[in-house]
Amino acid sequence: MKKIIIIGGGAGGLELATDLGDKLGKDNQADITLIDKNSYHLWKPLLHEVATGVLNEQADRIDYALQGQQHNFQFTQGTFTNLNREEKQVIVENLNNESISIPYDILVVAIGSTSNDFGTPGVKEHCIFLDDQNAAIRLRETLIAKFASFCSIIDKHEATTEDKIRIAIVGGGATGVELASELPHMVETFGACGQNKMCSDLLDVSVIEATDRILPALPEKTALGITETLQKRGIHVLTKTMITKAESDGFYPKDGDTINADIMIWTAGVKAPDYLKDIAGLESSRSNQLVVKPTLQTTRDDNIFVIGDCAYAMQDSGRAAPATAQAAHQMAKICYENIVNMLNNKSMKTFNYTDNGTIISLHDTAQGVVKIAGKREMNVKGFFALTIHRLLYRMHQASLLGIFKTIRFVKASKEMYKNKFTSIFTHQD
């Protein structure tokens, strides 16, 4: 059988492995293996909710090995380190830190993206990134530890206007904005779990954006409405603020005073991992993405497909497809069809990205735009927008688990979450 290797179990990679397993693996037409450094999958657009305790990773994760058993693919846990195109092998470091070679006939690279600090001095040393579930958990632990230490301070005296937990987030995209909107709720929840002196008034949160407004993917009017919502909740929105360096006491902008911070978070941009740059002689972009043809095959090797954030897929608009879960999902569907067609000597399909809109979750509400047939925009806000935002996540789960299993999964995760919620904020995990 043909050996198909998929590296990366994110939104695109896991959907592709599941679809290929249900089709080719079930019929013994191909041997499919998914490789990922983690043992389970979490939807990346909701990592900010893991970081703030709104979503429990134990309740909403999908285990790769179990998914593979149920959908006819194998799972290997390890870190992709290199590629040998001549021998058609991927090099992986396993859990024992051993380097192993895994052969392939068709390779799909879907390893996602990492934070881009744009070479800004001090960012790597002093900032927290939100690249994967492990980073989200570390951020949550950092926040809780800071809240707990702050409680011990205010226990000794009445809090004054100077007593603040200062959190600065660089990056006014969806991740930075949604993370900021959840922080006041996180503090209130922490207070409700025994630390009754804690409240959102003790937070000093800033969202820092280099351009003239946050959320450039949204219409200006919609972005302005979200800005006003954040400001009403006490969150500072600093635009036209270019950060030139980060130090232990905070961020240093090109113009203006230092933005002091106890916790510094960087969500200003993404890039493909550095080791993808020109790997095995493949063509790459300035942001390390592998350049692909309209069929999602690399420009220099038809046996290698690339999907998701690490793919540089130029569109008719003159721009590359965005590094979003929406694009990764669409790429996975085309890649699936093209791999099946390749094995059956049929013509390949081309990938054309369709923008279906963007909705920003603001904890108890949401705002954004949806596009009908990828063209006509419709502004949505409030509970209706929040429902659509949640539905997108459930649709992602349904694509992996099926509708009936998703319903059971949601019920089980809600029950598990009720039992685990308090322990997240009381150090009983």
Protein backbone atom coordinates (compact mmCIF):
# COMPACT_ATOMS: atom_id res chain seq x y z
CA MET A 1 0.00 0.00 0.00
CA LYS A 2 1.02 3.60 -0.49
CA LYS A 3 2.39 5.23 2.65
CA ILE A 4 0.88 8.64 3.41
CA ILE A 5 2.53 10.67 6.18
CA ILE A 6 0.82 13.75 7.64
CA ILE A 7 2.98 15.93 9.88
CA GLY A 8 0.92 18.07 12.26
CA GLY A 9 -2.42 17.40 13.91
CA GLY A 10 -3.90 20.87 13.85
CA ALA A 11 -7.18 21.94 12.30
CA GLY A 12 -6.12 20.87 8.80
CA GLY A 13 -3.86 17.92 9.56
CA LEU A 14 -6.23 16.02 11.83
CA GLU A 15 -9.22 16.59 9.53
CA LEU A 16 -7.17 15.31 6.60
CA ALA A 17 -5.96 12.22 8.50
CA THR A 18 -9.54 11.46 9.55
CA ASP A 19 -10.95 11.83 6.03
CA LEU A 20 -8.17 9.79 4.41
CA GLY A 21 -8.50 7.12 7.08
CA ASP A 22 -12.25 6.85 6.52
CA LYS A 23 -11.71 6.52 2.77
CA LEU A 24 -8.32 4.99 1.97
CA GLY A 25 -7.44 3.43 5.31
CA LYS A 26 -10.79 1.71 5.70
CA ASP A 27 -10.51 0.16 2.23
CA ASN A 28 -6.82 -0.78 2.69
CA GLN A 29 -5.82 1.47 -0.20
CA ALA A 30 -3.19 3.33 1.82
CA ASP A 31 -1.27 3.20 5.09
CA ILE A 32 -1.84 6.58 6.78
CA THR A 33 0.25 7.92 9.68
CA LEU A 34 -0.23 11.17 11.57
CA ILE A 35 2.80 12.62 13.39
CA ASP A 36 2.57 15.30 16.08
CA LYS A 37 4.71 16.36 19.04
CA ASN A 38 1.62 16.39 21.29
CA SER A 39 -0.63 13.47 22.17
CA TYR A 40 -3.91 15.33 21.70
CA HIS A 41 -5.60 18.02 19.63
CA LEU A 42 -7.14 21.31 20.72
CA TRP A 43 -8.64 23.82 18.31
CA LYS A 44 -6.09 26.63 18.08
CA PRO A 45 -8.61 29.51 17.81
CA LEU A 46 -9.72 28.66 21.37
CA LEU A 47 -6.28 28.56 23.00
CA HIS A 48 -6.98 31.90 24.65
CA GLU A 49 -9.86 30.20 26.47
CA VAL A 50 -7.53 27.48 27.71
CA ALA A 51 -5.15 30.21 28.92
CA THR A 52 -7.91 31.96 30.88
CA GLY A 53 -9.62 28.84 32.25
CA VAL A 54 -12.80 29.24 30.22
CA LEU A 55 -12.09 26.02 28.36
CA ASN A 56 -10.54 23.01 30.09
CA GLU A 57 -8.07 21.14 27.91
CA GLN A 58 -8.89 17.88 29.68
CA ALA A 59 -12.56 18.18 28.74
CA ASP A 60 -12.30 19.32 25.12
CA ARG A 61 -9.25 17.56 23.76
CA ILE A 62 -9.26 14.85 21.09
CA ASP A 63 -6.62 12.14 21.60
CA TYR A 64 -4.76 11.37 18.39
CA ALA A 65 -4.27 7.67 19.11
CA LEU A 66 -7.95 7.10 19.88
CA GLN A 67 -9.01 9.11 16.84
CA GLY A 68 -6.69 6.97 14.73
CA GLN A 69 -8.16 3.74 16.08
CA GLN A 70 -11.66 4.90 15.22
CA HIS A 71 -10.76 6.29 11.78
CA ASN A 72 -8.19 3.85 10.38
CA PHE A 73 -4.93 5.77 10.68
CA GLN A 74 -1.80 5.34 12.80
CA PHE A 75 -0.43 7.92 15.20
CA THR A 76 3.24 8.51 16.05
CA GLN A 77 4.16 11.03 18.73
CA GLY A 78 7.34 12.88 17.94
CA THR A 79 8.88 16.11 16.69
CA PHE A 80 9.55 16.58 12.99
CA THR A 81 13.16 17.71 12.54
CA ASN A 82 14.15 17.16 8.91
CA LEU A 83 13.26 15.80 5.49
CA ASN A 84 15.16 13.58 3.05
CA ARG A 85 13.48 13.95 -0.32
CA GLU A 86 15.93 11.66 -2.15
CA GLU A 87 15.16 8.72 0.15
CA LYS A 88 11.56 9.90 0.70
CA GLN A 89 11.89 9.87 4.46
CA VAL A 90 10.92 12.22 7.27
CA ILE A 91 13.21 12.51 10.28
CA VAL A 92 11.43 12.55 13.65
CA GLU A 93 12.70 12.81 17.21
CA ASN A 94 10.64 10.45 19.36
CA LEU A 95 9.80 10.66 23.07
CA ASN A 96 13.11 8.99 23.93
CA ASN A 97 15.00 11.76 22.09
CA GLU A 98 15.98 9.25 19.41
CA SER A 99 16.10 10.26 15.76
CA ILE A 100 14.07 7.91 13.57
CA SER A 101 13.41 7.86 9.82
CA ILE A 102 9.90 7.18 8.52
CA PRO A 103 9.41 6.42 4.81
CA TYR A 104 6.61 7.94 2.74
CA ASP A 105 5.17 7.84 -0.74
CA ILE A 106 3.04 10.97 -0.21
CA LEU A 107 3.89 13.55 2.44
CA VAL A 108 1.62 16.28 3.80
CA VAL A 109 3.21 19.05 5.86
CA ALA A 110 0.67 20.67 8.19
CA ILE A 111 2.78 21.81 11.12
CA GLY A 112 1.07 25.17 11.61
CA SER A 113 2.80 28.35 12.70
CA THR A 114 4.69 29.94 15.56
CA SER A 115 4.75 33.48 16.92
CA ASN A 116 6.73 36.04 14.94
CA ASP A 117 8.64 38.51 17.10
CA PHE A 118 9.98 40.29 13.97
CA GLY A 119 13.42 40.30 15.59
CA THR A 120 12.31 42.71 18.31
CA PRO A 121 14.98 42.72 21.07
CA GLY A 122 13.97 41.15 24.36
CA VAL A 123 10.68 39.60 23.20
CA LYS A 124 11.87 35.97 23.34
CA GLU A 125 13.36 36.50 26.78
CA HIS A 126 10.51 38.36 28.47
CA CYS A 127 7.26 37.56 26.65
CA ILE A 128 4.81 34.68 26.73
CA PHE A 129 3.58 33.35 23.39
CA LEU A 130 0.37 31.46 22.63
CA ASP A 131 1.51 28.94 20.02
CA ASP A 132 -0.04 25.68 21.24
CA GLN A 133 -1.86 24.02 24.12
CA ASN A 134 1.30 23.70 26.20
CA ALA A 135 1.94 27.44 25.88
CA ALA A 136 -1.70 28.17 26.79
CA ILE A 137 -1.43 26.04 29.93
CA ARG A 138 1.82 27.75 30.90
CA LEU A 139 0.19 31.16 30.46
CA ARG A 140 -2.75 30.10 32.62
CA GLU A 141 -0.40 28.89 35.35
CA THR A 142 1.53 32.17 35.16
CA LEU A 143 -1.67 34.21 35.48
CA ILE A 144 -2.97 32.16 38.41
CA ALA A 145 0.38 32.37 40.21
CA LYS A 146 0.35 36.15 39.75
CA PHE A 147 -3.22 36.41 41.03
CA ALA A 148 -2.34 34.30 44.08
CA SER A 149 0.74 36.37 44.95
CA PHE A 150 -1.26 39.57 44.47
CA CYS A 151 -3.87 38.25 46.92
CA SER A 152 -1.23 37.91 49.60
CA ILE A 153 -0.28 41.54 49.08
CA ILE A 154 -3.77 42.99 49.29
CA ASP A 155 -4.53 40.77 52.31
CA LYS A 156 -2.09 42.93 54.24
CA HIS A 157 -3.70 46.23 53.39
CA GLU A 158 -6.64 47.75 51.56
CA ALA A 159 -6.07 47.91 47.82
CA THR A 160 -5.32 51.35 46.42
CA THR A 161 -5.40 52.70 42.90
CA GLU A 162 -1.71 51.80 42.66
CA ASP A 163 -2.38 48.12 43.35
CA LYS A 164 -2.87 46.68 39.87
CA ILE A 165 -1.97 43.54 37.99
CA ARG A 166 -0.52 44.95 34.80
CA ILE A 167 -0.90 42.76 31.70
CA ALA A 168 0.25 44.00 28.30
CA ILE A 169 -0.62 42.18 25.08
CA VAL A 170 1.18 43.14 21.87
CA GLY A 171 -0.92 42.37 18.82
CA GLY A 172 -4.40 43.64 18.00
CA GLY A 173 -5.52 40.65 15.98
CA ALA A 174 -8.15 38.11 16.96
CA THR A 175 -5.96 36.26 19.48
CA GLY A 176 -4.85 39.38 21.36
CA VAL A 177 -8.32 40.92 21.46
CA GLU A 178 -10.10 37.73 22.53
CA LEU A 179 -7.50 37.01 25.20
CA ALA A 180 -7.83 40.53 26.62
CA SER A 181 -11.63 40.26 26.74
CA GLU A 182 -11.45 37.07 28.84
CA LEU A 183 -9.01 38.38 31.47
CA PRO A 184 -11.54 40.42 33.53
CA HIS A 185 -13.81 37.37 33.71
CA MET A 186 -10.86 35.20 34.76
CA VAL A 187 -10.08 37.49 37.69
CA GLU A 188 -13.72 37.60 38.76
CA THR A 189 -13.86 33.79 38.63
CA PHE A 190 -10.66 33.56 40.66
CA GLY A 191 -12.26 35.82 43.26
CA ALA A 192 -15.44 33.73 43.31
CA CYS A 193 -13.34 30.62 44.07
CA GLY A 194 -12.27 31.81 47.49
CA GLN A 195 -10.21 34.95 46.84
CA ASN A 196 -13.05 37.38 47.40
CA LYS A 197 -10.84 40.46 47.34
CA MET A 198 -10.00 39.84 43.70
CA CYS A 199 -12.03 41.69 41.09
CA SER A 200 -11.58 43.04 37.59
CA ASP A 201 -10.93 46.54 38.98
CA LEU A 202 -7.51 45.26 40.04
CA LEU A 203 -6.55 44.56 36.43
CA ASP A 204 -4.71 46.94 34.14
CA VAL A 205 -4.86 45.34 30.68
CA SER A 206 -3.46 46.92 27.52
CA VAL A 207 -3.76 45.76 23.91
CA ILE A 208 -0.94 47.26 21.85
CA GLU A 209 -1.17 47.52 18.07
CA ALA A 210 1.37 49.04 15.67
CA THR A 211 -1.16 50.02 12.97
CA ASP A 212 -3.92 52.61 13.21
CA ARG A 213 -6.60 50.15 14.43
CA ILE A 214 -7.08 46.68 15.82
CA LEU A 215 -8.55 43.76 13.84
CA PRO A 216 -7.55 44.77 10.30
CA ALA A 217 -9.36 41.72 8.90
CA LEU A 218 -12.70 43.26 9.89
CA PRO A 219 -14.45 46.34 8.46
CA GLU A 220 -13.36 49.54 10.17
CA LYS A 221 -16.81 50.17 11.67
CA THR A 222 -16.92 46.70 13.21
CA ALA A 223 -13.39 47.02 14.59
CA LEU A 224 -14.33 50.38 16.10
CA GLY A 225 -17.32 48.80 17.82
CA ILE A 226 -15.11 46.10 19.34
CA THR A 227 -12.62 48.76 20.46
CA GLU A 228 -15.40 50.58 22.29
CA THR A 229 -16.54 47.33 23.94
CA LEU A 230 -13.01 46.66 25.21
CA GLN A 231 -12.65 50.20 26.51
CA LYS A 232 -15.96 49.99 28.37
CA ARG A 233 -14.56 46.95 30.15
CA GLY A 234 -11.52 48.91 31.28
CA ILE A 235 -9.10 47.56 28.67
CA HIS A 236 -6.69 50.06 27.14
CA VAL A 237 -6.40 49.92 23.35
CA LEU A 238 -3.15 51.52 22.21
CA THR A 239 -2.90 51.90 18.43
CA LYS A 240 -0.08 53.38 16.33
CA THR A 241 2.27 52.04 18.98
CA MET A 242 5.37 50.37 17.56
CA ILE A 243 7.30 48.32 20.10
CA THR A 244 11.07 48.57 19.68
CA LYS A 245 12.16 46.36 22.58
CA ALA A 246 10.97 44.43 25.60
CA GLU A 247 12.64 44.36 29.01
CA SER A 248 11.74 42.86 32.36
CA ASP A 249 9.72 45.93 33.36
CA GLY A 250 7.62 46.21 30.20
CA PHE A 251 7.49 47.26 26.55
CA TYR A 252 9.36 50.20 25.07
CA PRO A 253 7.51 51.90 22.20
CA LYS A 254 9.12 53.93 19.45
CA ASP A 255 7.30 57.01 20.72
CA GLY A 256 6.00 57.62 24.20
CA ASP A 257 6.61 56.28 27.69
CA THR A 258 7.38 52.73 28.74
CA ILE A 259 4.34 50.47 28.98
CA ASN A 260 4.98 48.81 32.33
CA ALA A 261 3.75 45.25 32.74
CA ASP A 262 3.96 42.39 35.20
CA ILE A 263 2.96 39.88 32.51
CA MET A 264 3.93 40.45 28.88
CA ILE A 265 2.21 38.54 26.07
CA TRP A 266 3.14 38.62 22.37
CA THR A 267 0.50 37.84 19.73
CA ALA A 268 1.64 40.28 17.05
CA GLY A 269 2.14 37.91 14.15
CA VAL A 270 2.86 34.39 12.98
CA LYS A 271 5.36 32.63 10.78
CA ALA A 272 6.13 29.05 9.85
CA PRO A 273 8.83 27.41 12.01
CA ASP A 274 12.36 28.53 11.13
CA TYR A 275 13.53 25.02 10.22
CA LEU A 276 11.14 25.01 7.25
CA LYS A 277 13.17 27.73 5.53
CA ASP A 278 14.47 26.08 2.33
CA ILE A 279 14.18 22.62 3.94
CA ALA A 280 15.35 19.87 1.57
CA GLY A 281 15.61 22.43 -1.22
CA LEU A 282 11.89 23.27 -1.22
CA GLU A 283 10.85 26.81 -2.12
CA SER A 284 9.84 28.95 0.86
CA SER A 285 8.54 32.45 1.52
CA ARG A 286 9.95 35.22 3.71
CA SER A 287 7.85 33.93 6.60
CA ASN A 288 9.26 30.39 6.14
CA GLN A 289 6.07 29.04 4.56
CA LEU A 290 6.50 26.40 1.87
CA VAL A 291 5.35 27.68 -1.52
CA VAL A 292 2.69 25.51 -3.14
CA LYS A 293 1.02 25.25 -6.53
CA PRO A 294 -2.76 25.69 -6.85
CA THR A 295 -3.06 21.93 -6.21
CA LEU A 296 -1.33 22.43 -2.82
CA GLN A 297 1.69 20.43 -4.01
CA THR A 298 5.07 22.06 -3.42
CA THR A 299 6.57 23.79 -6.43
CA ARG A 300 9.58 21.43 -6.46
CA ASP A 301 8.12 18.08 -5.43
CA ASP A 302 4.69 16.77 -6.46
CA ASN A 303 4.79 14.08 -3.78
CA ILE A 304 4.75 16.70 -1.01
CA PHE A 305 1.58 18.64 -0.15
CA VAL A 306 1.41 21.54 2.30
CA ILE A 307 -1.71 22.81 4.07
CA GLY A 308 -2.57 25.24 6.84
CA ASP A 309 -0.51 28.07 8.29
CA CYS A 310 2.78 26.75 6.88
CA ALA A 311 1.50 26.83 3.27
CA TYR A 312 2.13 29.81 1.00
CA ALA A 313 -0.79 29.49 -1.40
CA MET A 314 -1.04 32.48 -3.74
CA GLN A 315 -4.59 33.41 -4.76
CA ASP A 316 -6.06 35.23 -7.77
CA SER A 317 -6.35 38.33 -5.57
CA GLY A 318 -2.56 38.58 -5.55
CA ARG A 319 -2.39 37.65 -1.89
CA ALA A 320 -1.59 34.37 -0.20
CA ALA A 321 -4.32 32.55 1.71
CA PRO A 322 -4.38 33.70 5.35
CA ALA A 323 -2.95 31.68 8.21
CA THR A 324 -6.30 30.85 9.79
CA ALA A 325 -8.21 27.74 10.84
CA GLN A 326 -10.78 28.60 8.17
CA ALA A 327 -8.16 28.39 5.43
CA ALA A 328 -6.65 25.21 6.91
CA HIS A 329 -10.06 23.53 6.86
CA GLN A 330 -10.60 24.42 3.20
CA MET A 331 -7.10 23.27 2.27
CA ALA A 332 -7.63 19.94 4.02
CA LYS A 333 -10.71 19.24 1.91
CA ILE A 334 -8.94 19.99 -1.39
CA CYS A 335 -5.82 18.10 -0.32
CA TYR A 336 -7.96 15.05 0.53
CA GLU A 337 -9.56 15.08 -2.91
CA ASN A 338 -6.23 15.56 -4.65
CA ILE A 339 -4.53 12.69 -2.83
CA VAL A 340 -7.42 10.37 -3.68
CA ASN A 341 -7.33 11.59 -7.28
CA MET A 342 -3.56 11.11 -7.45
CA LEU A 343 -3.86 7.49 -6.36
CA ASN A 344 -6.59 6.93 -8.94
CA ASN A 345 -4.77 8.76 -11.78
CA LYS A 346 -7.42 11.45 -11.98
CA SER A 347 -7.01 15.18 -12.56
CA MET A 348 -6.19 17.41 -9.59
CA LYS A 349 -8.37 20.19 -8.20
CA THR A 350 -7.19 23.70 -7.46
CA PHE A 351 -7.46 25.46 -4.12
CA ASN A 352 -9.37 28.74 -4.07
CA TYR A 353 -9.77 30.29 -0.66
CA THR A 354 -13.26 31.51 0.28
CA ASP A 355 -13.48 34.09 3.04
CA ASN A 356 -16.58 33.26 5.06
CA GLY A 357 -16.08 36.12 7.49
CA THR A 358 -14.61 36.68 10.93
CA ILE A 359 -16.30 36.74 14.31
CA ILE A 360 -14.53 37.93 17.46
CA SER A 361 -15.61 36.48 20.80
CA LEU A 362 -15.69 38.98 23.68
CA HIS A 363 -16.45 36.49 26.49
CA ASP A 364 -20.24 36.94 26.86
CA THR A 365 -20.87 38.48 23.46
CA ALA A 366 -19.34 38.58 19.98
CA GLN A 367 -19.10 40.82 16.98
CA GLY A 368 -17.98 40.45 13.38
CA VAL A 369 -19.05 39.75 9.83
CA VAL A 370 -20.18 36.66 7.98
CA LYS A 371 -20.10 36.40 4.22
CA ILE A 372 -22.79 34.80 2.13
CA ALA A 373 -21.23 32.71 -0.66
CA GLY A 374 -17.96 34.45 0.12
CA LYS A 375 -19.23 37.78 -1.23
CA ARG A 376 -22.03 39.64 0.53
CA GLU A 377 -21.09 40.77 4.03
CA MET A 378 -23.53 40.71 6.93
CA ASN A 379 -22.67 42.36 10.24
CA VAL A 380 -23.52 40.26 13.29
CA LYS A 381 -23.21 41.03 16.98
CA GLY A 382 -24.45 40.04 20.40
CA PHE A 383 -25.83 36.62 21.29
CA PHE A 384 -26.45 35.71 17.65
CA ALA A 385 -22.79 36.31 16.77
CA LEU A 386 -21.66 34.40 19.86
CA THR A 387 -23.85 31.46 18.85
CA ILE A 388 -22.26 31.40 15.37
CA HIS A 389 -18.80 31.58 16.94
CA ARG A 390 -19.56 28.56 19.14
CA LEU A 391 -21.16 26.73 16.24
CA LEU A 392 -17.94 27.00 14.23
CA TYR A 393 -16.13 25.08 16.97
CA ARG A 394 -18.83 22.40 17.07
CA MET A 395 -18.69 22.11 13.27
CA HIS A 396 -14.95 21.48 13.57
CA GLN A 397 -15.62 18.75 16.13
CA ALA A 398 -18.35 17.25 13.94
CA SER A 399 -15.93 17.03 11.00
CA LEU A 400 -13.69 14.89 13.21
CA LEU A 401 -16.15 12.95 15.34
CA GLY A 402 -19.42 12.95 13.39
CA ILE A 403 -22.62 14.68 14.52
CA PHE A 404 -23.86 12.09 17.02
CA LYS A 405 -20.47 11.60 18.66
CA THR A 406 -20.06 15.37 18.87
CA ILE A 407 -23.35 15.66 20.76
CA ARG A 408 -22.21 13.01 23.23
CA PHE A 409 -18.78 14.64 23.41
CA VAL A 410 -20.31 18.04 24.25
CA LYS A 411 -22.46 16.55 27.02
CA ALA A 412 -19.53 14.66 28.53
CA SER A 413 -17.17 17.65 28.34
CA LYS A 414 -19.73 19.94 30.01
CA GLU A 415 -20.12 17.52 32.92
CA MET A 416 -16.37 17.11 33.22
CA TYR A 417 -15.89 20.86 33.03
CA LYS A 418 -18.32 21.45 35.92
CA ASN A 419 -16.24 19.18 38.11
CA LYS A 420 -12.89 20.63 37.01
CA PHE A 421 -13.75 24.34 36.76
CA THR A 422 -13.24 25.29 40.40
CA SER A 423 -10.04 23.27 40.76
CA ILE A 424 -8.35 25.25 37.97
CA PHE A 425 -8.51 28.36 40.13
CA THR A 426 -7.87 26.77 43.53
CA HIS A 427 -4.67 24.82 42.74
CA GLN A 428 -6.32 21.42 43.16
CA ASP A 429 -5.59 20.04 39.69
